[in-house]
Amino acid sequence: MNTISLTDLDSKIRSGADFVLLEALPPRYYEQKHLPGAKNMPHDAVDGLAAGLIGDREREVVIYCASPTCQNSSVAARRLETLGYRHVRVFEGGKSAWEDAGLPLQTS
């Protein structure tokens, strides 16, 4: 599974790069706080939400969850790959690493 570092993800977000950032947690956690520009795609709703949130299967996707021990992002990434999405990366540090680095979060 391809991963992305905190530094690389921060650079992508700040530069306005063309990619889709997805949080693989239930809506209540997403609404409390999420990474800038992220969309919510719970790991158990990938099949129903992927086409609408991502669209093109060639588009780059970065997916994250709560922390390094949370497996939701890996589950969702594997499912996206099974559905034919070719450029999926996981930010393994998750929301906790982002917050610990003092980087900004958004609320819904």
PDB file of N, CA and C in Angstrom:
ATOM      1  N   MET A   1       0.835  -1.178   0.000  1.00  0.00           N
ATOM      2  CA  MET A   1       0.000   0.000   0.000  1.00  0.00           C
ATOM      3  C   MET A   1       0.886   1.249   0.000  1.00  0.00           C
ATOM      4  N   ASN A   2       0.583   2.183  -0.868  1.00  0.00           N
ATOM      5  CA  ASN A   2       1.350   3.425  -0.956  1.00  0.00           C
ATOM      6  C   ASN A   2       0.962   4.357   0.185  1.00  0.00           C
ATOM      7  N   THR A   3       1.958   5.049   0.724  1.00  0.00           N
ATOM      8  CA  THR A   3       1.712   5.985   1.816  1.00  0.00           C
ATOM      9  C   THR A   3       2.235   7.368   1.433  1.00  0.00           C
ATOM     10  N   ILE A   4       1.879   8.359   2.246  1.00  0.00           N
ATOM     11  CA  ILE A   4       2.355   9.718   2.072  1.00  0.00           C
ATOM     12  C   ILE A   4       2.733  10.255   3.443  1.00  0.00           C
ATOM     13  N   SER A   5       3.812  11.011   3.499  1.00  0.00           N
ATOM     14  CA  SER A   5       4.281  11.559   4.769  1.00  0.00           C
ATOM     15  C   SER A   5       3.502  12.815   5.145  1.00  0.00           C
ATOM     16  N   LEU A   6       3.627  13.189   6.387  1.00  0.00           N
ATOM     17  CA  LEU A   6       3.005  14.416   6.885  1.00  0.00           C
ATOM     18  C   LEU A   6       3.499  15.618   6.093  1.00  0.00           C
ATOM     19  N   THR A   7       4.791  15.705   5.893  1.00  0.00           N
ATOM     20  CA  THR A   7       5.377  16.839   5.172  1.00  0.00           C
ATOM     21  C   THR A   7       4.870  16.917   3.742  1.00  0.00           C
ATOM     22  N   ASP A   8       4.833  15.771   3.061  1.00  0.00           N
ATOM     23  CA  ASP A   8       4.367  15.758   1.675  1.00  0.00           C
ATOM     24  C   ASP A   8       2.881  16.097   1.576  1.00  0.00           C
ATOM     25  N   LEU A   9       2.076  15.598   2.504  1.00  0.00           N
ATOM     26  CA  LEU A   9       0.651  15.903   2.474  1.00  0.00           C
ATOM     27  C   LEU A   9       0.424  17.388   2.760  1.00  0.00           C
ATOM     28  N   ASP A  10       1.120  17.931   3.739  1.00  0.00           N
ATOM     29  CA  ASP A  10       1.000  19.353   4.042  1.00  0.00           C
ATOM     30  C   ASP A  10       1.362  20.185   2.813  1.00  0.00           C
ATOM     31  N   SER A  11       2.431  19.817   2.130  1.00  0.00           N
ATOM     32  CA  SER A  11       2.842  20.550   0.925  1.00  0.00           C
ATOM     33  C   SER A  11       1.780  20.477  -0.162  1.00  0.00           C
ATOM     34  N   LYS A  12       1.195  19.303  -0.341  1.00  0.00           N
ATOM     35  CA  LYS A  12       0.139  19.124  -1.352  1.00  0.00           C
ATOM     36  C   LYS A  12      -1.056  20.027  -1.056  1.00  0.00           C
ATOM     37  N   ILE A  13      -1.475  20.039   0.195  1.00  0.00           N
ATOM     38  CA  ILE A  13      -2.632  20.855   0.574  1.00  0.00           C
ATOM     39  C   ILE A  13      -2.316  22.339   0.376  1.00  0.00           C
ATOM     40  N   ARG A  14      -1.161  22.779   0.860  1.00  0.00           N
ATOM     41  CA  ARG A  14      -0.781  24.196   0.767  1.00  0.00           C
ATOM     42  C   ARG A  14      -0.618  24.659  -0.676  1.00  0.00           C
ATOM     43  N   SER A  15      -0.172  23.769  -1.552  1.00  0.00           N
ATOM     44  CA  SER A  15       0.062  24.157  -2.947  1.00  0.00           C
ATOM     45  C   SER A  15      -1.208  24.127  -3.792  1.00  0.00           C
ATOM     46  N   GLY A  16      -2.274  23.563  -3.240  1.00  0.00           N
ATOM     47  CA  GLY A  16      -3.513  23.466  -4.010  1.00  0.00           C
ATOM     48  C   GLY A  16      -3.454  22.375  -5.071  1.00  0.00           C
ATOM     49  N   ALA A  17      -2.634  21.373  -4.849  1.00  0.00           N
ATOM     50  CA  ALA A  17      -2.490  20.273  -5.810  1.00  0.00           C
ATOM     51  C   ALA A  17      -3.845  19.630  -6.095  1.00  0.00           C
ATOM     52  N   ASP A  18      -3.965  19.062  -7.286  1.00  0.00           N
ATOM     53  CA  ASP A  18      -5.216  18.415  -7.705  1.00  0.00           C
ATOM     54  C   ASP A  18      -5.223  16.971  -7.210  1.00  0.00           C
ATOM     55  N   PHE A  19      -5.874  16.749  -6.084  1.00  0.00           N
ATOM     56  CA  PHE A  19      -6.055  15.413  -5.538  1.00  0.00           C
ATOM     57  C   PHE A  19      -7.281  15.450  -4.634  1.00  0.00           C
ATOM     58  N   VAL A  20      -7.748  14.269  -4.252  1.00  0.00           N
ATOM     59  CA  VAL A  20      -8.903  14.167  -3.358  1.00  0.00           C
ATOM     60  C   VAL A  20      -8.401  13.676  -2.007  1.00  0.00           C
ATOM     61  N   LEU A  21      -8.758  14.401  -0.962  1.00  0.00           N
ATOM     62  CA  LEU A  21      -8.385  14.042   0.400  1.00  0.00           C
ATOM     63  C   LEU A  21      -9.632  13.526   1.105  1.00  0.00           C
ATOM     64  N   LEU A  22      -9.554  12.311   1.627  1.00  0.00           N
ATOM     65  CA  LEU A  22     -10.709  11.662   2.234  1.00  0.00           C
ATOM     66  C   LEU A  22     -10.426  11.229   3.663  1.00  0.00           C
ATOM     67  N   GLU A  23     -11.396  11.479   4.540  1.00  0.00           N
ATOM     68  CA  GLU A  23     -11.321  10.970   5.908  1.00  0.00           C
ATOM     69  C   GLU A  23     -12.200   9.732   6.003  1.00  0.00           C
ATOM     70  N   ALA A  24     -11.633   8.634   6.498  1.00  0.00           N
ATOM     71  CA  ALA A  24     -12.320   7.339   6.532  1.00  0.00           C
ATOM     72  C   ALA A  24     -12.965   7.050   7.882  1.00  0.00           C
ATOM     73  N   LEU A  25     -13.397   8.092   8.573  1.00  0.00           N
ATOM     74  CA  LEU A  25     -14.043   7.938   9.878  1.00  0.00           C
ATOM     75  C   LEU A  25     -15.532   8.233   9.765  1.00  0.00           C
ATOM     76  N   PRO A  26     -16.331   7.794  10.745  1.00  0.00           N
ATOM     77  CA  PRO A  26     -17.758   8.114  10.728  1.00  0.00           C
ATOM     78  C   PRO A  26     -17.996   9.627  10.732  1.00  0.00           C
ATOM     79  N   PRO A  27     -19.136  10.074  10.207  1.00  0.00           N
ATOM     80  CA  PRO A  27     -19.424  11.497  10.070  1.00  0.00           C
ATOM     81  C   PRO A  27     -19.252  12.321  11.351  1.00  0.00           C
ATOM     82  N   ARG A  28     -19.594  11.790  12.501  1.00  0.00           N
ATOM     83  CA  ARG A  28     -19.513  12.595  13.732  1.00  0.00           C
ATOM     84  C   ARG A  28     -18.077  13.019  14.027  1.00  0.00           C
ATOM     85  N   TYR A  29     -17.093  12.183  13.702  1.00  0.00           N
ATOM     86  CA  TYR A  29     -15.687  12.536  13.916  1.00  0.00           C
ATOM     87  C   TYR A  29     -15.205  13.532  12.863  1.00  0.00           C
ATOM     88  N   TYR A  30     -15.661  13.343  11.641  1.00  0.00           N
ATOM     89  CA  TYR A  30     -15.335  14.273  10.561  1.00  0.00           C
ATOM     90  C   TYR A  30     -15.869  15.664  10.887  1.00  0.00           C
ATOM     91  N   GLU A  31     -17.097  15.725  11.343  1.00  0.00           N
ATOM     92  CA  GLU A  31     -17.720  17.018  11.639  1.00  0.00           C
ATOM     93  C   GLU A  31     -17.021  17.748  12.783  1.00  0.00           C
ATOM     94  N   GLN A  32     -16.478  17.016  13.752  1.00  0.00           N
ATOM     95  CA  GLN A  32     -15.766  17.644  14.868  1.00  0.00           C
ATOM     96  C   GLN A  32     -14.520  18.365  14.386  1.00  0.00           C
ATOM     97  N   LYS A  33     -13.728  17.689  13.553  1.00  0.00           N
ATOM     98  CA  LYS A  33     -12.523  18.281  12.975  1.00  0.00           C
ATOM     99  C   LYS A  33     -11.980  17.352  11.903  1.00  0.00           C
ATOM    100  N   HIS A  34     -11.461  17.983  10.847  1.00  0.00           N
ATOM    101  CA  HIS A  34     -10.860  17.223   9.751  1.00  0.00           C
ATOM    102  C   HIS A  34      -9.768  18.052   9.084  1.00  0.00           C
ATOM    103  N   LEU A  35      -8.940  17.391   8.309  1.00  0.00           N
ATOM    104  CA  LEU A  35      -7.868  18.076   7.605  1.00  0.00           C
ATOM    105  C   LEU A  35      -8.460  19.035   6.576  1.00  0.00           C
ATOM    106  N   PRO A  36      -7.763  20.140   6.287  1.00  0.00           N
ATOM    107  CA  PRO A  36      -8.285  21.140   5.349  1.00  0.00           C
ATOM    108  C   PRO A  36      -8.616  20.547   3.981  1.00  0.00           C
ATOM    109  N   GLY A  37      -9.845  20.781   3.549  1.00  0.00           N
ATOM    110  CA  GLY A  37     -10.284  20.321   2.237  1.00  0.00           C
ATOM    111  C   GLY A  37     -10.725  18.876   2.164  1.00  0.00           C
ATOM    112  N   ALA A  38     -10.667  18.164   3.281  1.00  0.00           N
ATOM    113  CA  ALA A  38     -11.039  16.741   3.265  1.00  0.00           C
ATOM    114  C   ALA A  38     -12.543  16.559   3.078  1.00  0.00           C
ATOM    115  N   LYS A  39     -12.879  15.460   2.458  1.00  0.00           N
ATOM    116  CA  LYS A  39     -14.269  15.022   2.331  1.00  0.00           C
ATOM    117  C   LYS A  39     -14.432  13.772   3.179  1.00  0.00           C
ATOM    118  N   ASN A  40     -15.646  13.513   3.609  1.00  0.00           N
ATOM    119  CA  ASN A  40     -15.896  12.359   4.467  1.00  0.00           C
ATOM    120  C   ASN A  40     -16.335  11.153   3.646  1.00  0.00           C
ATOM    121  N   MET A  41     -15.581  10.049   3.797  1.00  0.00           N
ATOM    122  CA  MET A  41     -15.942   8.778   3.175  1.00  0.00           C
ATOM    123  C   MET A  41     -15.650   7.677   4.189  1.00  0.00           C
ATOM    124  N   PRO A  42     -16.606   7.386   5.065  1.00  0.00           N
ATOM    125  CA  PRO A  42     -16.394   6.324   6.052  1.00  0.00           C
ATOM    126  C   PRO A  42     -15.950   5.026   5.375  1.00  0.00           C
ATOM    127  N   HIS A  43     -15.099   4.289   6.061  1.00  0.00           N
ATOM    128  CA  HIS A  43     -14.521   3.076   5.470  1.00  0.00           C
ATOM    129  C   HIS A  43     -15.571   2.044   5.084  1.00  0.00           C
ATOM    130  N   ASP A  44     -16.734   2.091   5.724  1.00  0.00           N
ATOM    131  CA  ASP A  44     -17.787   1.119   5.410  1.00  0.00           C
ATOM    132  C   ASP A  44     -18.790   1.641   4.384  1.00  0.00           C
ATOM    133  N   ALA A  45     -18.484   2.786   3.765  1.00  0.00           N
ATOM    134  CA  ALA A  45     -19.390   3.361   2.764  1.00  0.00           C
ATOM    135  C   ALA A  45     -18.675   3.650   1.445  1.00  0.00           C
ATOM    136  N   VAL A  46     -17.518   3.049   1.254  1.00  0.00           N
ATOM    137  CA  VAL A  46     -16.710   3.310   0.067  1.00  0.00           C
ATOM    138  C   VAL A  46     -17.483   3.018  -1.213  1.00  0.00           C
ATOM    139  N   ASP A  47     -18.128   1.886  -1.296  1.00  0.00           N
ATOM    140  CA  ASP A  47     -18.814   1.499  -2.530  1.00  0.00           C
ATOM    141  C   ASP A  47     -19.852   2.529  -2.953  1.00  0.00           C
ATOM    142  N   GLY A  48     -20.579   3.066  -2.006  1.00  0.00           N
ATOM    143  CA  GLY A  48     -21.646   4.011  -2.329  1.00  0.00           C
ATOM    144  C   GLY A  48     -21.182   5.439  -2.545  1.00  0.00           C
ATOM    145  N   LEU A  49     -20.016   5.797  -2.020  1.00  0.00           N
ATOM    146  CA  LEU A  49     -19.577   7.197  -2.064  1.00  0.00           C
ATOM    147  C   LEU A  49     -18.420   7.487  -3.014  1.00  0.00           C
ATOM    148  N   ALA A  50     -17.635   6.491  -3.358  1.00  0.00           N
ATOM    149  CA  ALA A  50     -16.403   6.724  -4.120  1.00  0.00           C
ATOM    150  C   ALA A  50     -16.641   7.460  -5.434  1.00  0.00           C
ATOM    151  N   ALA A  51     -17.566   7.014  -6.230  1.00  0.00           N
ATOM    152  CA  ALA A  51     -17.772   7.625  -7.544  1.00  0.00           C
ATOM    153  C   ALA A  51     -18.126   9.110  -7.419  1.00  0.00           C
ATOM    154  N   GLY A  52     -18.980   9.456  -6.463  1.00  0.00           N
ATOM    155  CA  GLY A  52     -19.379  10.845  -6.295  1.00  0.00           C
ATOM    156  C   GLY A  52     -18.304  11.733  -5.699  1.00  0.00           C
ATOM    157  N   LEU A  53     -17.485  11.189  -4.818  1.00  0.00           N
ATOM    158  CA  LEU A  53     -16.452  11.993  -4.168  1.00  0.00           C
ATOM    159  C   LEU A  53     -15.154  12.081  -4.966  1.00  0.00           C
ATOM    160  N   ILE A  54     -14.849  11.039  -5.721  1.00  0.00           N
ATOM    161  CA  ILE A  54     -13.574  10.992  -6.438  1.00  0.00           C
ATOM    162  C   ILE A  54     -13.765  11.188  -7.933  1.00  0.00           C
ATOM    163  N   GLY A  55     -14.720  10.447  -8.499  1.00  0.00           N
ATOM    164  CA  GLY A  55     -14.927  10.515  -9.941  1.00  0.00           C
ATOM    165  C   GLY A  55     -13.923   9.652 -10.677  1.00  0.00           C
ATOM    166  N   ASP A  56     -13.050  10.293 -11.428  1.00  0.00           N
ATOM    167  CA  ASP A  56     -12.067   9.640 -12.289  1.00  0.00           C
ATOM    168  C   ASP A  56     -11.182   8.666 -11.504  1.00  0.00           C
ATOM    169  N   ARG A  57     -11.127   7.442 -11.961  1.00  0.00           N
ATOM    170  CA  ARG A  57     -10.320   6.413 -11.287  1.00  0.00           C
ATOM    171  C   ARG A  57      -8.815   6.661 -11.419  1.00  0.00           C
ATOM    172  N   GLU A  58      -8.422   7.602 -12.260  1.00  0.00           N
ATOM    173  CA  GLU A  58      -7.006   7.947 -12.420  1.00  0.00           C
ATOM    174  C   GLU A  58      -6.600   9.102 -11.498  1.00  0.00           C
ATOM    175  N   ARG A  59      -7.538   9.707 -10.830  1.00  0.00           N
ATOM    176  CA  ARG A  59      -7.245  10.851  -9.960  1.00  0.00           C
ATOM    177  C   ARG A  59      -6.520  10.392  -8.699  1.00  0.00           C
ATOM    178  N   GLU A  60      -5.589  11.208  -8.229  1.00  0.00           N
ATOM    179  CA  GLU A  60      -4.870  10.868  -7.004  1.00  0.00           C
ATOM    180  C   GLU A  60      -5.799  11.019  -5.799  1.00  0.00           C
ATOM    181  N   VAL A  61      -5.727  10.046  -4.896  1.00  0.00           N
ATOM    182  CA  VAL A  61      -6.531  10.032  -3.680  1.00  0.00           C
ATOM    183  C   VAL A  61      -5.606   9.821  -2.489  1.00  0.00           C
ATOM    184  N   VAL A  62      -5.800  10.634  -1.441  1.00  0.00           N
ATOM    185  CA  VAL A  62      -5.109  10.425  -0.170  1.00  0.00           C
ATOM    186  C   VAL A  62      -6.182  10.206   0.873  1.00  0.00           C
ATOM    187  N   ILE A  63      -6.038   9.160   1.642  1.00  0.00           N
ATOM    188  CA  ILE A  63      -7.042   8.810   2.638  1.00  0.00           C
ATOM    189  C   ILE A  63      -6.379   8.659   4.011  1.00  0.00           C
ATOM    190  N   TYR A  64      -7.080   9.116   5.033  1.00  0.00           N
ATOM    191  CA  TYR A  64      -6.534   9.055   6.393  1.00  0.00           C
ATOM    192  C   TYR A  64      -7.650   8.732   7.372  1.00  0.00           C
ATOM    193  N   CYS A  65      -7.255   8.392   8.611  1.00  0.00           N
ATOM    194  CA  CYS A  65      -8.236   8.195   9.683  1.00  0.00           C
ATOM    195  C   CYS A  65      -7.717   8.865  10.948  1.00  0.00           C
ATOM    196  N   ALA A  66      -7.928   8.276  12.100  1.00  0.00           N
ATOM    197  CA  ALA A  66      -7.669   8.965  13.360  1.00  0.00           C
ATOM    198  C   ALA A  66      -6.202   9.013  13.773  1.00  0.00           C
ATOM    199  N   SER A  67      -5.496   7.904  13.617  1.00  0.00           N
ATOM    200  CA  SER A  67      -4.146   7.792  14.177  1.00  0.00           C
ATOM    201  C   SER A  67      -3.407   6.642  13.500  1.00  0.00           C
ATOM    202  N   PRO A  68      -2.127   6.460  13.838  1.00  0.00           N
ATOM    203  CA  PRO A  68      -1.385   5.349  13.238  1.00  0.00           C
ATOM    204  C   PRO A  68      -1.967   3.964  13.556  1.00  0.00           C
ATOM    205  N   THR A  69      -2.705   3.839  14.646  1.00  0.00           N
ATOM    206  CA  THR A  69      -3.267   2.531  14.991  1.00  0.00           C
ATOM    207  C   THR A  69      -4.645   2.289  14.370  1.00  0.00           C
ATOM    208  N   CYS A  70      -5.250   3.317  13.839  1.00  0.00           N
ATOM    209  CA  CYS A  70      -6.572   3.194  13.203  1.00  0.00           C
ATOM    210  C   CYS A  70      -6.412   2.526  11.836  1.00  0.00           C
ATOM    211  N   GLN A  71      -7.231   1.553  11.551  1.00  0.00           N
ATOM    212  CA  GLN A  71      -7.136   0.808  10.287  1.00  0.00           C
ATOM    213  C   GLN A  71      -8.166   1.225   9.239  1.00  0.00           C
ATOM    214  N   ASN A  72      -9.047   2.166   9.570  1.00  0.00           N
ATOM    215  CA  ASN A  72     -10.105   2.563   8.630  1.00  0.00           C
ATOM    216  C   ASN A  72      -9.544   3.019   7.283  1.00  0.00           C
ATOM    217  N   SER A  73      -8.461   3.784   7.311  1.00  0.00           N
ATOM    218  CA  SER A  73      -7.911   4.290   6.047  1.00  0.00           C
ATOM    219  C   SER A  73      -7.348   3.152   5.190  1.00  0.00           C
ATOM    220  N   SER A  74      -6.728   2.185   5.808  1.00  0.00           N
ATOM    221  CA  SER A  74      -6.203   1.038   5.053  1.00  0.00           C
ATOM    222  C   SER A  74      -7.326   0.202   4.462  1.00  0.00           C
ATOM    223  N   VAL A  75      -8.377   0.005   5.236  1.00  0.00           N
ATOM    224  CA  VAL A  75      -9.544  -0.742   4.744  1.00  0.00           C
ATOM    225  C   VAL A  75     -10.147  -0.023   3.542  1.00  0.00           C
ATOM    226  N   ALA A  76     -10.339   1.287   3.672  1.00  0.00           N
ATOM    227  CA  ALA A  76     -10.928   2.067   2.585  1.00  0.00           C
ATOM    228  C   ALA A  76     -10.017   2.085   1.359  1.00  0.00           C
ATOM    229  N   ALA A  77      -8.706   2.236   1.574  1.00  0.00           N
ATOM    230  CA  ALA A  77      -7.769   2.263   0.451  1.00  0.00           C
ATOM    231  C   ALA A  77      -7.786   0.952  -0.319  1.00  0.00           C
ATOM    232  N   ARG A  78      -7.784  -0.159   0.401  1.00  0.00           N
ATOM    233  CA  ARG A  78      -7.831  -1.468  -0.282  1.00  0.00           C
ATOM    234  C   ARG A  78      -9.116  -1.599  -1.095  1.00  0.00           C
ATOM    235  N   ARG A  79     -10.223  -1.114  -0.542  1.00  0.00           N
ATOM    236  CA  ARG A  79     -11.496  -1.206  -1.269  1.00  0.00           C
ATOM    237  C   ARG A  79     -11.467  -0.323  -2.516  1.00  0.00           C
ATOM    238  N   LEU A  80     -10.900   0.878  -2.387  1.00  0.00           N
ATOM    239  CA  LEU A  80     -10.789   1.748  -3.567  1.00  0.00           C
ATOM    240  C   LEU A  80      -9.950   1.088  -4.649  1.00  0.00           C
ATOM    241  N   GLU A  81      -8.862   0.467  -4.261  1.00  0.00           N
ATOM    242  CA  GLU A  81      -8.018  -0.226  -5.236  1.00  0.00           C
ATOM    243  C   GLU A  81      -8.779  -1.369  -5.899  1.00  0.00           C
ATOM    244  N   THR A  82      -9.573  -2.096  -5.127  1.00  0.00           N
ATOM    245  CA  THR A  82     -10.393  -3.173  -5.685  1.00  0.00           C
ATOM    246  C   THR A  82     -11.399  -2.634  -6.694  1.00  0.00           C
ATOM    247  N   LEU A  83     -11.905  -1.425  -6.433  1.00  0.00           N
ATOM    248  CA  LEU A  83     -12.872  -0.790  -7.341  1.00  0.00           C
ATOM    249  C   LEU A  83     -12.205  -0.171  -8.570  1.00  0.00           C
ATOM    250  N   GLY A  84     -10.870  -0.224  -8.627  1.00  0.00           N
ATOM    251  CA  GLY A  84     -10.167   0.242  -9.817  1.00  0.00           C
ATOM    252  C   GLY A  84      -9.511   1.605  -9.704  1.00  0.00           C
ATOM    253  N   TYR A  85      -9.502   2.205  -8.527  1.00  0.00           N
ATOM    254  CA  TYR A  85      -8.802   3.481  -8.348  1.00  0.00           C
ATOM    255  C   TYR A  85      -7.312   3.169  -8.271  1.00  0.00           C
ATOM    256  N   ARG A  86      -6.531   3.856  -9.115  1.00  0.00           N
ATOM    257  CA  ARG A  86      -5.153   3.451  -9.321  1.00  0.00           C
ATOM    258  C   ARG A  86      -4.120   4.231  -8.529  1.00  0.00           C
ATOM    259  N   HIS A  87      -4.469   5.401  -8.032  1.00  0.00           N
ATOM    260  CA  HIS A  87      -3.479   6.259  -7.372  1.00  0.00           C
ATOM    261  C   HIS A  87      -3.940   6.596  -5.956  1.00  0.00           C
ATOM    262  N   VAL A  88      -3.974   5.593  -5.111  1.00  0.00           N
ATOM    263  CA  VAL A  88      -4.467   5.735  -3.734  1.00  0.00           C
ATOM    264  C   VAL A  88      -3.276   5.681  -2.786  1.00  0.00           C
ATOM    265  N   ARG A  89      -3.226   6.656  -1.879  1.00  0.00           N
ATOM    266  CA  ARG A  89      -2.168   6.702  -0.865  1.00  0.00           C
ATOM    267  C   ARG A  89      -2.813   6.871   0.504  1.00  0.00           C
ATOM    268  N   VAL A  90      -2.150   6.344   1.519  1.00  0.00           N
ATOM    269  CA  VAL A  90      -2.641   6.437   2.889  1.00  0.00           C
ATOM    270  C   VAL A  90      -1.716   7.336   3.697  1.00  0.00           C
ATOM    271  N   PHE A  91      -2.309   8.296   4.407  1.00  0.00           N
ATOM    272  CA  PHE A  91      -1.562   9.091   5.370  1.00  0.00           C
ATOM    273  C   PHE A  91      -1.705   8.377   6.707  1.00  0.00           C
ATOM    274  N   GLU A  92      -0.690   7.596   7.062  1.00  0.00           N
ATOM    275  CA  GLU A  92      -0.773   6.704   8.215  1.00  0.00           C
ATOM    276  C   GLU A  92      -0.817   7.429   9.559  1.00  0.00           C
ATOM    277  N   GLY A  93      -0.256   8.609   9.646  1.00  0.00           N
ATOM    278  CA  GLY A  93      -0.265   9.340  10.912  1.00  0.00           C
ATOM    279  C   GLY A  93      -1.653   9.780  11.327  1.00  0.00           C
ATOM    280  N   GLY A  94      -2.503   9.995  10.344  1.00  0.00           N
ATOM    281  CA  GLY A  94      -3.875  10.373  10.609  1.00  0.00           C
ATOM    282  C   GLY A  94      -4.031  11.743  11.257  1.00  0.00           C
ATOM    283  N   LYS A  95      -5.262  11.976  11.679  1.00  0.00           N
ATOM    284  CA  LYS A  95      -5.620  13.255  12.269  1.00  0.00           C
ATOM    285  C   LYS A  95      -4.776  13.587  13.494  1.00  0.00           C
ATOM    286  N   SER A  96      -4.416  12.588  14.280  1.00  0.00           N
ATOM    287  CA  SER A  96      -3.641  12.844  15.498  1.00  0.00           C
ATOM    288  C   SER A  96      -2.251  13.379  15.170  1.00  0.00           C
ATOM    289  N   ALA A  97      -1.573  12.822  14.169  1.00  0.00           N
ATOM    290  CA  ALA A  97      -0.241  13.301  13.793  1.00  0.00           C
ATOM    291  C   ALA A  97      -0.325  14.713  13.228  1.00  0.00           C
ATOM    292  N   TRP A  98      -1.360  14.967  12.457  1.00  0.00           N
ATOM    293  CA  TRP A  98      -1.568  16.297  11.879  1.00  0.00           C
ATOM    294  C   TRP A  98      -1.745  17.334  12.994  1.00  0.00           C
ATOM    295  N   GLU A  99      -2.597  17.007  13.930  1.00  0.00           N
ATOM    296  CA  GLU A  99      -2.870  17.907  15.050  1.00  0.00           C
ATOM    297  C   GLU A  99      -1.627  18.076  15.940  1.00  0.00           C
ATOM    298  N   ASP A 100      -0.913  16.985  16.212  1.00  0.00           N
ATOM    299  CA  ASP A 100       0.301  17.037  17.033  1.00  0.00           C
ATOM    300  C   ASP A 100       1.371  17.934  16.397  1.00  0.00           C
ATOM    301  N   ALA A 101       1.360  18.022  15.067  1.00  0.00           N
ATOM    302  CA  ALA A 101       2.328  18.868  14.365  1.00  0.00           C
ATOM    303  C   ALA A 101       1.908  20.346  14.382  1.00  0.00           C
ATOM    304  N   GLY A 102       0.753  20.624  14.983  1.00  0.00           N
ATOM    305  CA  GLY A 102       0.278  22.004  15.057  1.00  0.00           C
ATOM    306  C   GLY A 102      -0.308  22.521  13.761  1.00  0.00           C
ATOM    307  N   LEU A 103      -0.697  21.619  12.872  1.00  0.00           N
ATOM    308  CA  LEU A 103      -1.259  22.022  11.593  1.00  0.00           C
ATOM    309  C   LEU A 103      -2.758  22.275  11.729  1.00  0.00           C
ATOM    310  N   PRO A 104      -3.323  23.122  10.869  1.00  0.00           N
ATOM    311  CA  PRO A 104      -4.724  23.519  11.019  1.00  0.00           C
ATOM    312  C   PRO A 104      -5.719  22.406  10.691  1.00  0.00           C
ATOM    313  N   LEU A 105      -6.826  22.453  11.389  1.00  0.00           N
ATOM    314  CA  LEU A 105      -7.957  21.551  11.127  1.00  0.00           C
ATOM    315  C   LEU A 105      -9.183  22.409  10.837  1.00  0.00           C
ATOM    316  N   GLN A 106     -10.159  21.805  10.185  1.00  0.00           N
ATOM    317  CA  GLN A 106     -11.422  22.476   9.896  1.00  0.00           C
ATOM    318  C   GLN A 106     -12.535  21.762  10.630  1.00  0.00           C
ATOM    319  N   THR A 107     -13.665  22.448  10.804  1.00  0.00           N
ATOM    320  CA  THR A 107     -14.867  21.841  11.364  1.00  0.00           C
ATOM    321  C   THR A 107     -16.002  22.011  10.377  1.00  0.00           C
ATOM    322  N   SER A 108     -17.009  21.178  10.508  1.00  0.00           N
ATOM    323  CA  SER A 108     -18.175  21.279   9.620  1.00  0.00           C
ATOM    324  C   SER A 108     -19.233  22.157  10.229  1.00  0.00           C
TER     325      SER A 108
END
